[in-house]
Amino acid sequence: MTRALGIIAGSALILLYATLLLIVMPTVQIRAGSSTPPEGLAPYTEAEQRGRDQYVSLGCVYCHSQQPRDPGQAPDGKRGWGRASVPADYVYDDPHLLGTMRTGPDLFNIGARQPSIDWHLTHLYQPRAVVPGSTMPAYPFLFDVTDVVVEADQVVKLPEGFGPATGTVIAKPEALDLVKYLQALDHTYPVDEIPVVEPAPDEGQASSAQQTGASDESS
Protein backbone atom coordinates (compact mmCIF):
# COMPACT_ATOMS: atom_id res chain seq x y z
CA MET A 1 0.00 0.00 0.00
CA THR A 2 2.81 2.37 0.95
CA ARG A 3 4.59 1.61 -2.31
CA ALA A 4 1.44 2.32 -4.30
CA LEU A 5 0.99 5.65 -2.55
CA GLY A 6 4.60 6.50 -3.35
CA ILE A 7 4.08 5.74 -7.03
CA ILE A 8 0.91 7.85 -7.11
CA ALA A 9 2.62 10.73 -5.32
CA GLY A 10 5.62 10.54 -7.64
CA SER A 11 3.41 10.52 -10.72
CA ALA A 12 1.47 13.51 -9.40
CA LEU A 13 4.70 15.44 -8.83
CA ILE A 14 5.92 14.67 -12.35
CA LEU A 15 2.59 15.82 -13.80
CA LEU A 16 2.68 18.98 -11.68
CA TYR A 17 6.24 19.75 -12.78
CA ALA A 18 5.39 19.22 -16.44
CA THR A 19 2.30 21.42 -16.13
CA LEU A 20 4.29 24.22 -14.51
CA LEU A 21 7.13 23.97 -17.02
CA LEU A 22 5.13 23.57 -20.22
CA ILE A 23 1.90 25.46 -19.53
CA VAL A 24 1.92 27.77 -16.51
CA MET A 25 5.37 29.34 -16.88
CA PRO A 26 5.13 30.05 -20.64
CA THR A 27 1.63 31.51 -20.22
CA VAL A 28 2.74 33.81 -17.40
CA GLN A 29 5.79 34.90 -19.39
CA ILE A 30 3.72 35.69 -22.46
CA ARG A 31 1.12 37.70 -20.55
CA ALA A 32 3.82 39.60 -18.68
CA GLY A 33 5.91 40.21 -21.79
CA SER A 34 6.16 43.17 -24.06
CA SER A 35 3.15 44.02 -26.21
CA THR A 36 5.43 45.59 -28.81
CA PRO A 37 5.98 43.23 -31.74
CA PRO A 38 9.60 42.61 -32.71
CA GLU A 39 10.85 44.16 -35.91
CA GLY A 40 10.31 41.50 -38.55
CA LEU A 41 7.14 40.02 -37.02
CA ALA A 42 4.04 40.81 -39.08
CA PRO A 43 0.35 40.33 -38.22
CA TYR A 44 -1.35 37.35 -39.79
CA THR A 45 -3.07 37.92 -43.10
CA GLU A 46 -6.70 36.84 -43.47
CA ALA A 47 -5.62 33.65 -45.23
CA GLU A 48 -3.01 32.89 -42.56
CA GLN A 49 -5.57 33.47 -39.82
CA ARG A 50 -7.97 31.08 -41.52
CA GLY A 51 -5.13 28.58 -41.72
CA ARG A 52 -4.44 29.09 -38.03
CA ASP A 53 -8.07 28.26 -37.32
CA GLN A 54 -7.61 25.08 -39.37
CA TYR A 55 -4.50 24.25 -37.33
CA VAL A 56 -6.59 24.48 -34.16
CA SER A 57 -9.60 22.58 -35.49
CA LEU A 58 -7.43 19.73 -36.80
CA GLY A 59 -5.80 19.32 -33.39
CA CYS A 60 -2.25 20.03 -34.57
CA VAL A 61 -1.53 21.70 -31.22
CA TYR A 62 -1.87 18.35 -29.46
CA CYS A 63 1.19 16.90 -31.21
CA HIS A 64 3.29 19.98 -32.01
CA SER A 65 4.68 22.74 -29.84
CA GLN A 66 5.56 26.28 -30.91
CA GLN A 67 8.10 27.16 -28.24
CA PRO A 68 11.76 26.26 -28.71
CA ARG A 69 13.25 26.15 -25.25
CA ASP A 70 16.29 27.63 -23.61
CA PRO A 71 19.44 25.51 -23.95
CA GLY A 72 19.29 24.96 -20.19
CA GLN A 73 15.96 23.16 -20.59
CA ALA A 74 16.29 21.28 -23.88
CA PRO A 75 18.67 21.03 -26.86
CA ASP A 76 16.12 22.58 -29.22
CA GLY A 77 18.72 24.81 -30.87
CA LYS A 78 20.81 21.75 -31.73
CA ARG A 79 17.70 20.13 -33.18
CA GLY A 80 17.57 22.94 -35.71
CA TRP A 81 14.43 24.56 -34.30
CA GLY A 82 15.97 28.01 -33.82
CA ARG A 83 16.47 30.26 -30.82
CA ALA A 84 14.37 30.05 -27.67
CA SER A 85 11.11 31.94 -28.02
CA VAL A 86 10.37 35.15 -26.11
CA PRO A 87 7.00 36.65 -25.06
CA ALA A 88 7.04 39.27 -27.81
CA ASP A 89 7.04 36.51 -30.44
CA TYR A 90 3.40 35.81 -29.57
CA VAL A 91 1.99 39.34 -29.75
CA TYR A 92 -0.35 38.40 -32.60
CA ASP A 93 -1.26 34.96 -31.23
CA ASP A 94 -4.65 34.88 -29.52
CA PRO A 95 -4.91 32.35 -28.09
CA HIS A 96 -1.30 31.21 -28.10
CA LEU A 97 -0.59 27.73 -29.45
CA LEU A 98 2.45 26.80 -27.38
CA GLY A 99 1.44 23.14 -27.24
CA THR A 100 2.21 20.59 -24.56
CA MET A 101 3.36 17.56 -26.57
CA ARG A 102 6.08 16.86 -29.10
CA THR A 103 4.89 13.78 -30.88
CA GLY A 104 6.05 15.74 -33.91
CA PRO A 105 8.70 18.48 -34.16
CA ASP A 106 8.34 22.02 -32.87
CA LEU A 107 6.78 24.26 -35.54
CA PHE A 108 7.87 27.69 -34.29
CA ASN A 109 10.10 28.06 -37.37
CA ILE A 110 8.57 25.55 -39.77
CA GLY A 111 8.12 28.33 -42.34
CA ALA A 112 11.88 28.89 -42.36
CA ARG A 113 12.79 25.20 -42.36
CA GLN A 114 10.23 24.18 -44.96
CA PRO A 115 9.23 27.09 -47.24
CA SER A 116 8.01 24.85 -50.07
CA ILE A 117 4.26 24.80 -50.72
CA ASP A 118 4.67 21.51 -52.59
CA TRP A 119 6.26 19.85 -49.56
CA HIS A 120 3.53 21.03 -47.19
CA LEU A 121 0.68 19.96 -49.48
CA THR A 122 2.21 16.53 -50.01
CA HIS A 123 2.82 16.20 -46.28
CA LEU A 124 -0.79 17.08 -45.45
CA TYR A 125 -2.24 14.76 -48.10
CA GLN A 126 -0.04 11.80 -47.13
CA PRO A 127 2.74 12.29 -44.54
CA ARG A 128 4.31 8.93 -45.38
CA ALA A 129 4.95 10.14 -48.91
CA VAL A 130 7.75 12.28 -47.48
CA VAL A 131 8.43 10.57 -44.14
CA PRO A 132 8.26 6.76 -44.23
CA GLY A 133 6.88 5.45 -40.95
CA SER A 134 5.37 8.77 -39.90
CA THR A 135 2.61 8.55 -37.28
CA MET A 136 1.00 11.79 -38.40
CA PRO A 137 -2.55 11.34 -39.73
CA ALA A 138 -3.30 12.15 -43.35
CA TYR A 139 -5.83 14.84 -44.21
CA PRO A 140 -7.25 13.80 -47.62
CA PHE A 141 -10.46 15.74 -46.92
CA LEU A 142 -8.47 18.93 -47.46
CA PHE A 143 -8.08 17.92 -51.11
CA ASP A 144 -10.15 17.01 -54.15
CA VAL A 145 -9.49 14.50 -56.92
CA THR A 146 -10.44 15.72 -60.36
CA ASP A 147 -10.22 14.53 -63.94
CA VAL A 148 -10.11 18.08 -65.28
CA VAL A 149 -7.46 20.49 -64.00
CA VAL A 150 -7.94 24.20 -64.64
CA GLU A 151 -5.33 26.93 -64.45
CA ALA A 152 -6.45 28.12 -61.01
CA ASP A 153 -6.03 24.67 -59.42
CA GLN A 154 -3.08 23.97 -57.12
CA VAL A 155 -1.96 20.49 -58.11
CA VAL A 156 -0.38 18.35 -55.39
CA LYS A 157 2.86 16.83 -56.69
CA LEU A 158 2.81 13.34 -55.18
CA PRO A 159 5.60 10.78 -55.49
CA GLU A 160 4.80 7.69 -57.53
CA GLY A 161 2.60 5.25 -55.65
CA PHE A 162 0.96 7.78 -53.34
CA GLY A 163 -1.62 9.30 -55.67
CA PRO A 164 -5.08 8.00 -56.58
CA ALA A 165 -5.51 5.35 -59.27
CA THR A 166 -7.20 7.90 -61.51
CA GLY A 167 -7.49 11.66 -61.46
CA THR A 168 -5.31 14.46 -60.12
CA VAL A 169 -5.16 15.65 -56.51
CA ILE A 170 -5.74 19.38 -56.07
CA ALA A 171 -5.72 21.41 -52.87
CA LYS A 172 -8.91 22.86 -51.43
CA PRO A 173 -8.84 26.46 -50.11
CA GLU A 174 -8.64 25.07 -46.57
CA ALA A 175 -5.39 23.27 -47.38
CA LEU A 176 -3.90 26.35 -49.02
CA ASP A 177 -4.83 28.51 -46.02
CA LEU A 178 -3.24 26.02 -43.62
CA VAL A 179 -0.05 25.98 -45.67
CA LYS A 180 0.04 29.78 -45.70
CA TYR A 181 -0.15 29.73 -41.90
CA LEU A 182 2.63 27.15 -41.62
CA GLN A 183 4.80 29.18 -44.00
CA ALA A 184 4.17 32.26 -41.83
CA LEU A 185 5.74 30.52 -38.82
CA ASP A 186 9.15 32.08 -39.31
CA HIS A 187 10.70 33.68 -36.22
CA THR A 188 14.26 34.00 -37.47
CA TYR A 189 14.39 37.75 -36.86
CA PRO A 190 16.67 38.97 -34.04
CA VAL A 191 15.34 39.85 -30.58
CA ASP A 192 17.01 41.83 -27.82
CA GLU A 193 16.61 39.21 -25.11
CA ILE A 194 18.68 36.44 -26.68
CA PRO A 195 21.01 35.94 -29.65
CA VAL A 196 19.66 34.60 -32.92
CA VAL A 197 20.08 30.90 -33.65
CA GLU A 198 19.14 30.13 -37.24
CA PRO A 199 17.01 27.01 -37.77
CA ALA A 200 19.11 24.35 -39.43
CA PRO A 201 17.90 22.78 -42.68
CA ASP A 202 16.88 19.17 -42.28
CA GLU A 203 19.34 16.44 -43.17
CA GLY A 204 18.81 15.18 -46.66
CA GLN A 205 16.84 18.24 -47.68
CA ALA A 206 18.73 18.72 -50.91
CA SER A 207 18.31 15.14 -52.04
CA SER A 208 14.59 14.95 -51.27
CA ALA A 209 13.75 18.39 -52.63
CA GLN A 210 13.61 17.03 -56.16
CA GLN A 211 10.61 14.88 -55.22
CA THR A 212 8.84 16.70 -52.39
CA GLY A 213 10.58 20.00 -51.77
CA ALA A 214 12.11 19.00 -48.40
CA SER A 215 12.66 16.27 -45.84
CA ASP A 216 11.31 14.94 -42.53
CA GLU A 217 9.16 17.32 -40.52
CA SER A 218 6.70 14.73 -39.30
CA SER A 219 6.52 12.51 -36.29
C-alpha atoms as a PDB file:
ATOM      1  CA  MET A   1       0.000   0.000   0.000  1.00  0.00           C
ATOM      2  CA  THR A   2       2.813   2.371   0.952  1.00  0.00           C
ATOM      3  CA  ARG A   3       4.592   1.606  -2.312  1.00  0.00           C
ATOM      4  CA  ALA A   4       1.435   2.315  -4.303  1.00  0.00           C
ATOM      5  CA  LEU A   5       0.992   5.654  -2.550  1.00  0.00           C
ATOM      6  CA  GLY A   6       4.602   6.499  -3.347  1.00  0.00           C
ATOM      7  CA  ILE A   7       4.078   5.739  -7.032  1.00  0.00           C
ATOM      8  CA  ILE A   8       0.909   7.850  -7.106  1.00  0.00           C
ATOM      9  CA  ALA A   9       2.624  10.733  -5.318  1.00  0.00           C
ATOM     10  CA  GLY A  10       5.618  10.543  -7.642  1.00  0.00           C
ATOM     11  CA  SER A  11       3.410  10.518 -10.720  1.00  0.00           C
ATOM     12  CA  ALA A  12       1.470  13.506  -9.404  1.00  0.00           C
ATOM     13  CA  LEU A  13       4.697  15.441  -8.828  1.00  0.00           C
ATOM     14  CA  ILE A  14       5.918  14.668 -12.345  1.00  0.00           C
ATOM     15  CA  LEU A  15       2.587  15.817 -13.801  1.00  0.00           C
ATOM     16  CA  LEU A  16       2.677  18.981 -11.684  1.00  0.00           C
ATOM     17  CA  TYR A  17       6.235  19.747 -12.782  1.00  0.00           C
ATOM     18  CA  ALA A  18       5.387  19.218 -16.442  1.00  0.00           C
ATOM     19  CA  THR A  19       2.304  21.421 -16.134  1.00  0.00           C
ATOM     20  CA  LEU A  20       4.293  24.219 -14.509  1.00  0.00           C
ATOM     21  CA  LEU A  21       7.133  23.969 -17.022  1.00  0.00           C
ATOM     22  CA  LEU A  22       5.125  23.569 -20.220  1.00  0.00           C
ATOM     23  CA  ILE A  23       1.900  25.464 -19.525  1.00  0.00           C
ATOM     24  CA  VAL A  24       1.915  27.767 -16.508  1.00  0.00           C
ATOM     25  CA  MET A  25       5.366  29.336 -16.878  1.00  0.00           C
ATOM     26  CA  PRO A  26       5.126  30.048 -20.635  1.00  0.00           C
ATOM     27  CA  THR A  27       1.630  31.509 -20.218  1.00  0.00           C
ATOM     28  CA  VAL A  28       2.738  33.810 -17.401  1.00  0.00           C
ATOM     29  CA  GLN A  29       5.790  34.902 -19.389  1.00  0.00           C
ATOM     30  CA  ILE A  30       3.719  35.695 -22.464  1.00  0.00           C
ATOM     31  CA  ARG A  31       1.122  37.697 -20.546  1.00  0.00           C
ATOM     32  CA  ALA A  32       3.819  39.602 -18.685  1.00  0.00           C
ATOM     33  CA  GLY A  33       5.909  40.206 -21.791  1.00  0.00           C
ATOM     34  CA  SER A  34       6.164  43.174 -24.060  1.00  0.00           C
ATOM     35  CA  SER A  35       3.149  44.022 -26.209  1.00  0.00           C
ATOM     36  CA  THR A  36       5.427  45.593 -28.807  1.00  0.00           C
ATOM     37  CA  PRO A  37       5.977  43.228 -31.742  1.00  0.00           C
ATOM     38  CA  PRO A  38       9.603  42.607 -32.712  1.00  0.00           C
ATOM     39  CA  GLU A  39      10.845  44.159 -35.907  1.00  0.00           C
ATOM     40  CA  GLY A  40      10.305  41.505 -38.545  1.00  0.00           C
ATOM     41  CA  LEU A  41       7.140  40.025 -37.023  1.00  0.00           C
ATOM     42  CA  ALA A  42       4.038  40.808 -39.082  1.00  0.00           C
ATOM     43  CA  PRO A  43       0.355  40.329 -38.219  1.00  0.00           C
ATOM     44  CA  TYR A  44      -1.345  37.346 -39.787  1.00  0.00           C
ATOM     45  CA  THR A  45      -3.074  37.920 -43.097  1.00  0.00           C
ATOM     46  CA  GLU A  46      -6.696  36.842 -43.465  1.00  0.00           C
ATOM     47  CA  ALA A  47      -5.616  33.649 -45.235  1.00  0.00           C
ATOM     48  CA  GLU A  48      -3.008  32.891 -42.563  1.00  0.00           C
ATOM     49  CA  GLN A  49      -5.566  33.466 -39.815  1.00  0.00           C
ATOM     50  CA  ARG A  50      -7.975  31.079 -41.517  1.00  0.00           C
ATOM     51  CA  GLY A  51      -5.128  28.583 -41.723  1.00  0.00           C
ATOM     52  CA  ARG A  52      -4.437  29.094 -38.032  1.00  0.00           C
ATOM     53  CA  ASP A  53      -8.070  28.261 -37.320  1.00  0.00           C
ATOM     54  CA  GLN A  54      -7.610  25.079 -39.372  1.00  0.00           C
ATOM     55  CA  TYR A  55      -4.503  24.247 -37.330  1.00  0.00           C
ATOM     56  CA  VAL A  56      -6.587  24.479 -34.161  1.00  0.00           C
ATOM     57  CA  SER A  57      -9.600  22.577 -35.485  1.00  0.00           C
ATOM     58  CA  LEU A  58      -7.431  19.727 -36.801  1.00  0.00           C
ATOM     59  CA  GLY A  59      -5.798  19.318 -33.393  1.00  0.00           C
ATOM     60  CA  CYS A  60      -2.247  20.026 -34.565  1.00  0.00           C
ATOM     61  CA  VAL A  61      -1.535  21.703 -31.224  1.00  0.00           C
ATOM     62  CA  TYR A  62      -1.874  18.347 -29.457  1.00  0.00           C
ATOM     63  CA  CYS A  63       1.188  16.896 -31.205  1.00  0.00           C
ATOM     64  CA  HIS A  64       3.287  19.976 -32.015  1.00  0.00           C
ATOM     65  CA  SER A  65       4.684  22.739 -29.842  1.00  0.00           C
ATOM     66  CA  GLN A  66       5.558  26.278 -30.911  1.00  0.00           C
ATOM     67  CA  GLN A  67       8.098  27.156 -28.239  1.00  0.00           C
ATOM     68  CA  PRO A  68      11.763  26.265 -28.714  1.00  0.00           C
ATOM     69  CA  ARG A  69      13.251  26.149 -25.251  1.00  0.00           C
ATOM     70  CA  ASP A  70      16.286  27.632 -23.611  1.00  0.00           C
ATOM     71  CA  PRO A  71      19.444  25.509 -23.954  1.00  0.00           C
ATOM     72  CA  GLY A  72      19.285  24.960 -20.191  1.00  0.00           C
ATOM     73  CA  GLN A  73      15.959  23.155 -20.595  1.00  0.00           C
ATOM     74  CA  ALA A  74      16.286  21.279 -23.876  1.00  0.00           C
ATOM     75  CA  PRO A  75      18.673  21.031 -26.862  1.00  0.00           C
ATOM     76  CA  ASP A  76      16.122  22.584 -29.224  1.00  0.00           C
ATOM     77  CA  GLY A  77      18.719  24.812 -30.869  1.00  0.00           C
ATOM     78  CA  LYS A  78      20.807  21.750 -31.728  1.00  0.00           C
ATOM     79  CA  ARG A  79      17.699  20.135 -33.184  1.00  0.00           C
ATOM     80  CA  GLY A  80      17.568  22.944 -35.709  1.00  0.00           C
ATOM     81  CA  TRP A  81      14.428  24.562 -34.301  1.00  0.00           C
ATOM     82  CA  GLY A  82      15.969  28.005 -33.819  1.00  0.00           C
ATOM     83  CA  ARG A  83      16.466  30.262 -30.820  1.00  0.00           C
ATOM     84  CA  ALA A  84      14.372  30.050 -27.671  1.00  0.00           C
ATOM     85  CA  SER A  85      11.108  31.940 -28.019  1.00  0.00           C
ATOM     86  CA  VAL A  86      10.365  35.148 -26.106  1.00  0.00           C
ATOM     87  CA  PRO A  87       6.996  36.646 -25.056  1.00  0.00           C
ATOM     88  CA  ALA A  88       7.042  39.267 -27.810  1.00  0.00           C
ATOM     89  CA  ASP A  89       7.040  36.506 -30.438  1.00  0.00           C
ATOM     90  CA  TYR A  90       3.400  35.812 -29.567  1.00  0.00           C
ATOM     91  CA  VAL A  91       1.987  39.337 -29.746  1.00  0.00           C
ATOM     92  CA  TYR A  92      -0.346  38.401 -32.599  1.00  0.00           C
ATOM     93  CA  ASP A  93      -1.262  34.955 -31.228  1.00  0.00           C
ATOM     94  CA  ASP A  94      -4.647  34.882 -29.519  1.00  0.00           C
ATOM     95  CA  PRO A  95      -4.913  32.352 -28.095  1.00  0.00           C
ATOM     96  CA  HIS A  96      -1.304  31.210 -28.097  1.00  0.00           C
ATOM     97  CA  LEU A  97      -0.593  27.735 -29.455  1.00  0.00           C
ATOM     98  CA  LEU A  98       2.455  26.797 -27.379  1.00  0.00           C
ATOM     99  CA  GLY A  99       1.440  23.144 -27.242  1.00  0.00           C
ATOM    100  CA  THR A 100       2.214  20.592 -24.559  1.00  0.00           C
ATOM    101  CA  MET A 101       3.356  17.556 -26.574  1.00  0.00           C
ATOM    102  CA  ARG A 102       6.081  16.861 -29.095  1.00  0.00           C
ATOM    103  CA  THR A 103       4.886  13.782 -30.880  1.00  0.00           C
ATOM    104  CA  GLY A 104       6.053  15.740 -33.914  1.00  0.00           C
ATOM    105  CA  PRO A 105       8.703  18.484 -34.156  1.00  0.00           C
ATOM    106  CA  ASP A 106       8.337  22.020 -32.866  1.00  0.00           C
ATOM    107  CA  LEU A 107       6.783  24.259 -35.540  1.00  0.00           C
ATOM    108  CA  PHE A 108       7.871  27.693 -34.292  1.00  0.00           C
ATOM    109  CA  ASN A 109      10.097  28.063 -37.370  1.00  0.00           C
ATOM    110  CA  ILE A 110       8.567  25.546 -39.770  1.00  0.00           C
ATOM    111  CA  GLY A 111       8.119  28.326 -42.336  1.00  0.00           C
ATOM    112  CA  ALA A 112      11.880  28.888 -42.363  1.00  0.00           C
ATOM    113  CA  ARG A 113      12.788  25.203 -42.359  1.00  0.00           C
ATOM    114  CA  GLN A 114      10.232  24.184 -44.959  1.00  0.00           C
ATOM    115  CA  PRO A 115       9.230  27.087 -47.240  1.00  0.00           C
ATOM    116  CA  SER A 116       8.010  24.848 -50.074  1.00  0.00           C
ATOM    117  CA  ILE A 117       4.259  24.803 -50.716  1.00  0.00           C
ATOM    118  CA  ASP A 118       4.674  21.508 -52.589  1.00  0.00           C
ATOM    119  CA  TRP A 119       6.263  19.854 -49.556  1.00  0.00           C
ATOM    120  CA  HIS A 120       3.531  21.027 -47.193  1.00  0.00           C
ATOM    121  CA  LEU A 121       0.684  19.964 -49.475  1.00  0.00           C
ATOM    122  CA  THR A 122       2.211  16.530 -50.010  1.00  0.00           C
ATOM    123  CA  HIS A 123       2.817  16.200 -46.280  1.00  0.00           C
ATOM    124  CA  LEU A 124      -0.787  17.078 -45.454  1.00  0.00           C
ATOM    125  CA  TYR A 125      -2.236  14.762 -48.098  1.00  0.00           C
ATOM    126  CA  GLN A 126      -0.042  11.800 -47.132  1.00  0.00           C
ATOM    127  CA  PRO A 127       2.737  12.285 -44.544  1.00  0.00           C
ATOM    128  CA  ARG A 128       4.307   8.935 -45.376  1.00  0.00           C
ATOM    129  CA  ALA A 129       4.953  10.143 -48.907  1.00  0.00           C
ATOM    130  CA  VAL A 130       7.746  12.280 -47.478  1.00  0.00           C
ATOM    131  CA  VAL A 131       8.433  10.573 -44.137  1.00  0.00           C
ATOM    132  CA  PRO A 132       8.257   6.765 -44.227  1.00  0.00           C
ATOM    133  CA  GLY A 133       6.877   5.447 -40.948  1.00  0.00           C
ATOM    134  CA  SER A 134       5.370   8.772 -39.901  1.00  0.00           C
ATOM    135  CA  THR A 135       2.608   8.552 -37.276  1.00  0.00           C
ATOM    136  CA  MET A 136       1.004  11.795 -38.401  1.00  0.00           C
ATOM    137  CA  PRO A 137      -2.549  11.344 -39.734  1.00  0.00           C
ATOM    138  CA  ALA A 138      -3.296  12.147 -43.353  1.00  0.00           C
ATOM    139  CA  TYR A 139      -5.834  14.844 -44.213  1.00  0.00           C
ATOM    140  CA  PRO A 140      -7.251  13.803 -47.616  1.00  0.00           C
ATOM    141  CA  PHE A 141     -10.462  15.735 -46.920  1.00  0.00           C
ATOM    142  CA  LEU A 142      -8.472  18.933 -47.461  1.00  0.00           C
ATOM    143  CA  PHE A 143      -8.080  17.921 -51.111  1.00  0.00           C
ATOM    144  CA  ASP A 144     -10.153  17.006 -54.154  1.00  0.00           C
ATOM    145  CA  VAL A 145      -9.491  14.496 -56.917  1.00  0.00           C
ATOM    146  CA  THR A 146     -10.444  15.722 -60.361  1.00  0.00           C
ATOM    147  CA  ASP A 147     -10.221  14.531 -63.945  1.00  0.00           C
ATOM    148  CA  VAL A 148     -10.111  18.083 -65.282  1.00  0.00           C
ATOM    149  CA  VAL A 149      -7.460  20.490 -64.002  1.00  0.00           C
ATOM    150  CA  VAL A 150      -7.944  24.205 -64.636  1.00  0.00           C
ATOM    151  CA  GLU A 151      -5.329  26.932 -64.453  1.00  0.00           C
ATOM    152  CA  ALA A 152      -6.450  28.123 -61.013  1.00  0.00           C
ATOM    153  CA  ASP A 153      -6.032  24.668 -59.421  1.00  0.00           C
ATOM    154  CA  GLN A 154      -3.082  23.974 -57.116  1.00  0.00           C
ATOM    155  CA  VAL A 155      -1.956  20.485 -58.107  1.00  0.00           C
ATOM    156  CA  VAL A 156      -0.378  18.347 -55.394  1.00  0.00           C
ATOM    157  CA  LYS A 157       2.859  16.829 -56.690  1.00  0.00           C
ATOM    158  CA  LEU A 158       2.807  13.344 -55.180  1.00  0.00           C
ATOM    159  CA  PRO A 159       5.601  10.777 -55.494  1.00  0.00           C
ATOM    160  CA  GLU A 160       4.796   7.688 -57.526  1.00  0.00           C
ATOM    161  CA  GLY A 161       2.601   5.254 -55.647  1.00  0.00           C
ATOM    162  CA  PHE A 162       0.955   7.783 -53.344  1.00  0.00           C
ATOM    163  CA  GLY A 163      -1.624   9.295 -55.666  1.00  0.00           C
ATOM    164  CA  PRO A 164      -5.079   7.998 -56.582  1.00  0.00           C
ATOM    165  CA  ALA A 165      -5.507   5.348 -59.274  1.00  0.00           C
ATOM    166  CA  THR A 166      -7.200   7.901 -61.506  1.00  0.00           C
ATOM    167  CA  GLY A 167      -7.495  11.662 -61.464  1.00  0.00           C
ATOM    168  CA  THR A 168      -5.313  14.457 -60.117  1.00  0.00           C
ATOM    169  CA  VAL A 169      -5.163  15.650 -56.515  1.00  0.00           C
ATOM    170  CA  ILE A 170      -5.741  19.377 -56.070  1.00  0.00           C
ATOM    171  CA  ALA A 171      -5.721  21.413 -52.871  1.00  0.00           C
ATOM    172  CA  LYS A 172      -8.908  22.860 -51.430  1.00  0.00           C
ATOM    173  CA  PRO A 173      -8.839  26.460 -50.111  1.00  0.00           C
ATOM    174  CA  GLU A 174      -8.642  25.068 -46.566  1.00  0.00           C
ATOM    175  CA  ALA A 175      -5.394  23.267 -47.377  1.00  0.00           C
ATOM    176  CA  LEU A 176      -3.902  26.350 -49.017  1.00  0.00           C
ATOM    177  CA  ASP A 177      -4.826  28.506 -46.017  1.00  0.00           C
ATOM    178  CA  LEU A 178      -3.244  26.019 -43.624  1.00  0.00           C
ATOM    179  CA  VAL A 179      -0.046  25.976 -45.672  1.00  0.00           C
ATOM    180  CA  LYS A 180       0.044  29.780 -45.696  1.00  0.00           C
ATOM    181  CA  TYR A 181      -0.147  29.732 -41.903  1.00  0.00           C
ATOM    182  CA  LEU A 182       2.632  27.154 -41.620  1.00  0.00           C
ATOM    183  CA  GLN A 183       4.800  29.179 -43.998  1.00  0.00           C
ATOM    184  CA  ALA A 184       4.172  32.256 -41.828  1.00  0.00           C
ATOM    185  CA  LEU A 185       5.738  30.517 -38.819  1.00  0.00           C
ATOM    186  CA  ASP A 186       9.151  32.081 -39.307  1.00  0.00           C
ATOM    187  CA  HIS A 187      10.698  33.684 -36.222  1.00  0.00           C
ATOM    188  CA  THR A 188      14.261  34.000 -37.475  1.00  0.00           C
ATOM    189  CA  TYR A 189      14.392  37.753 -36.857  1.00  0.00           C
ATOM    190  CA  PRO A 190      16.672  38.966 -34.036  1.00  0.00           C
ATOM    191  CA  VAL A 191      15.337  39.845 -30.583  1.00  0.00           C
ATOM    192  CA  ASP A 192      17.008  41.828 -27.822  1.00  0.00           C
ATOM    193  CA  GLU A 193      16.612  39.209 -25.113  1.00  0.00           C
ATOM    194  CA  ILE A 194      18.683  36.444 -26.679  1.00  0.00           C
ATOM    195  CA  PRO A 195      21.006  35.937 -29.652  1.00  0.00           C
ATOM    196  CA  VAL A 196      19.665  34.605 -32.917  1.00  0.00           C
ATOM    197  CA  VAL A 197      20.079  30.897 -33.653  1.00  0.00           C
ATOM    198  CA  GLU A 198      19.140  30.128 -37.237  1.00  0.00           C
ATOM    199  CA  PRO A 199      17.011  27.010 -37.770  1.00  0.00           C
ATOM    200  CA  ALA A 200      19.106  24.349 -39.430  1.00  0.00           C
ATOM    201  CA  PRO A 201      17.897  22.779 -42.682  1.00  0.00           C
ATOM    202  CA  ASP A 202      16.879  19.173 -42.275  1.00  0.00           C
ATOM    203  CA  GLU A 203      19.341  16.437 -43.171  1.00  0.00           C
ATOM    204  CA  GLY A 204      18.808  15.180 -46.664  1.00  0.00           C
ATOM    205  CA  GLN A 205      16.842  18.245 -47.685  1.00  0.00           C
ATOM    206  CA  ALA A 206      18.732  18.719 -50.906  1.00  0.00           C
ATOM    207  CA  SER A 207      18.306  15.138 -52.038  1.00  0.00           C
ATOM    208  CA  SER A 208      14.586  14.952 -51.273  1.00  0.00           C
ATOM    209  CA  ALA A 209      13.746  18.389 -52.630  1.00  0.00           C
ATOM    210  CA  GLN A 210      13.606  17.026 -56.157  1.00  0.00           C
ATOM    211  CA  GLN A 211      10.607  14.882 -55.220  1.00  0.00           C
ATOM    212  CA  THR A 212       8.837  16.699 -52.391  1.00  0.00           C
ATOM    213  CA  GLY A 213      10.584  19.996 -51.767  1.00  0.00           C
ATOM    214  CA  ALA A 214      12.108  19.002 -48.400  1.00  0.00           C
ATOM    215  CA  SER A 215      12.660  16.268 -45.837  1.00  0.00           C
ATOM    216  CA  ASP A 216      11.314  14.941 -42.535  1.00  0.00           C
ATOM    217  CA  GLU A 217       9.157  17.316 -40.524  1.00  0.00           C
ATOM    218  CA  SER A 218       6.702  14.727 -39.299  1.00  0.00           C
ATOM    219  CA  SER A 219       6.517  12.513 -36.290  1.00  0.00           C
END
